[in-house]
Amino acid sequence: MSLIPDVPPKLFTLSAVAIGYLLIDNNTANEQNALGNWLMLVAQVLCTNAYFLQVQEERNDSSSDTMSDEDTIEMMQRMIDALTIEVENIKKSL
C-alpha cells in the first residue's frame, strides 16, 4: 500500500500548498518556524533514504560486488559530517 495517492502531479502539489496555508493559522512565527523545520527534516530523511536505495539498486544492477569496508567508513564519515553541520545550524537558530 502506497501513502502517495494516485492523483495528477499539479493537484498533489496544490494540496501541499493548501495544507501549508492551513498550518499557518493560529500559530506564532516561532511555532511556524519549528513546524516548518520539522517537516523539512522529515522530507530530508525521505529523500536521503530514497537516494541511498537508488544508489544500492544502481550498484546491484552494475555489479554484484558488495561495498568495501573503506567505502562504508567513508560514507559514514560523510553522514556524520552532514549531521554535525545540521546540529550546528539548529544550535545557531536557537
Protein backbone atom coordinates (compact mmCIF):
# COMPACT_ATOMS: atom_id res chain seq x y z
CA MET A 1 0.00 0.00 0.00
CA SER A 2 1.42 3.34 -1.04
CA LEU A 3 0.99 6.50 1.00
CA ILE A 4 1.18 8.58 -2.18
CA PRO A 5 -2.27 8.94 -3.73
CA ASP A 6 -2.78 8.32 -7.44
CA VAL A 7 -3.53 11.94 -8.40
CA PRO A 8 -2.13 14.28 -11.06
CA PRO A 9 1.15 15.99 -10.06
CA LYS A 10 -0.33 19.51 -10.15
CA LEU A 11 -3.17 18.54 -7.83
CA PHE A 12 -0.72 16.80 -5.49
CA THR A 13 1.39 19.98 -5.37
CA LEU A 14 -1.68 22.17 -4.85
CA SER A 15 -2.72 20.02 -1.90
CA ALA A 16 0.67 20.69 -0.27
CA VAL A 17 0.18 24.44 -0.76
CA ALA A 18 -3.30 24.24 0.78
CA ILE A 19 -2.05 22.28 3.79
CA GLY A 20 0.79 24.78 4.24
CA TYR A 21 -1.65 27.68 4.35
CA LEU A 22 -3.91 25.82 6.79
CA LEU A 23 -0.96 25.24 9.15
CA ILE A 24 -0.22 28.98 9.25
CA ASP A 25 -3.45 29.82 11.07
CA ASN A 26 -3.30 30.35 14.83
CA ASN A 27 0.46 29.73 15.05
CA THR A 28 3.10 32.23 16.04
CA ALA A 29 6.10 32.82 13.80
CA ASN A 30 8.23 30.67 16.12
CA GLU A 31 5.69 27.83 16.02
CA GLN A 32 5.50 28.05 12.23
CA ASN A 33 9.29 28.00 12.03
CA ALA A 34 9.55 24.98 14.33
CA LEU A 35 6.90 23.07 12.38
CA GLY A 36 8.47 24.02 9.06
CA ASN A 37 11.91 22.87 10.19
CA TRP A 38 10.44 19.60 11.45
CA LEU A 39 8.66 18.98 8.15
CA MET A 40 11.86 19.76 6.22
CA LEU A 41 13.74 17.26 8.38
CA VAL A 42 11.12 14.60 7.61
CA ALA A 43 11.45 15.42 3.90
CA GLN A 44 15.25 15.22 4.08
CA VAL A 45 15.07 11.80 5.72
CA LEU A 46 12.73 10.55 2.99
CA CYS A 47 14.89 12.00 0.21
CA THR A 48 18.11 10.68 1.72
CA ASN A 49 16.68 7.20 2.17
CA ALA A 50 15.25 7.12 -1.36
CA TYR A 51 18.54 8.33 -2.83
CA PHE A 52 20.52 5.71 -0.95
CA LEU A 53 18.12 2.99 -2.13
CA GLN A 54 18.62 4.20 -5.71
CA VAL A 55 22.40 4.04 -5.27
CA GLN A 56 22.16 0.49 -3.92
CA GLU A 57 19.93 -0.59 -6.81
CA GLU A 58 22.31 1.01 -9.30
CA ARG A 59 25.27 -0.77 -7.75
CA ASN A 60 23.41 -4.10 -7.75
CA ASP A 61 22.50 -3.63 -11.42
CA SER A 62 26.04 -2.76 -12.50
CA SER A 63 27.94 -5.23 -10.33
CA SER A 64 27.37 -7.91 -7.75
CA ASP A 65 30.25 -6.66 -5.59
CA THR A 66 29.43 -5.54 -2.08
CA MET A 67 30.51 -2.25 -0.60
CA SER A 68 34.04 -2.36 0.77
CA ASP A 69 34.76 -1.53 4.39
CA GLU A 70 36.68 1.59 3.31
CA ASP A 71 33.69 2.80 1.26
CA THR A 72 31.36 2.15 4.19
CA ILE A 73 33.61 4.09 6.56
CA GLU A 74 33.90 6.99 4.11
CA MET A 75 30.13 7.13 3.61
CA MET A 76 29.51 7.02 7.35
CA GLN A 77 32.03 9.83 7.92
CA ARG A 78 30.20 11.95 5.34
CA MET A 79 26.92 11.27 7.14
CA ILE A 80 28.47 12.25 10.48
CA ASP A 81 29.83 15.46 8.93
CA ALA A 82 26.40 16.31 7.47
CA LEU A 83 24.68 15.62 10.80
CA THR A 84 27.24 17.75 12.64
CA ILE A 85 26.55 20.66 10.30
CA GLU A 86 22.77 20.25 10.81
CA VAL A 87 23.19 20.20 14.60
CA GLU A 88 25.33 23.36 14.47
CA ASN A 89 22.73 25.09 12.30
CA ILE A 90 20.00 24.17 14.76
CA LYS A 91 22.09 25.42 17.69
CA LYS A 92 22.64 28.75 15.88
CA SER A 93 18.91 29.13 15.25
CA LEU A 94 18.05 28.62 18.92
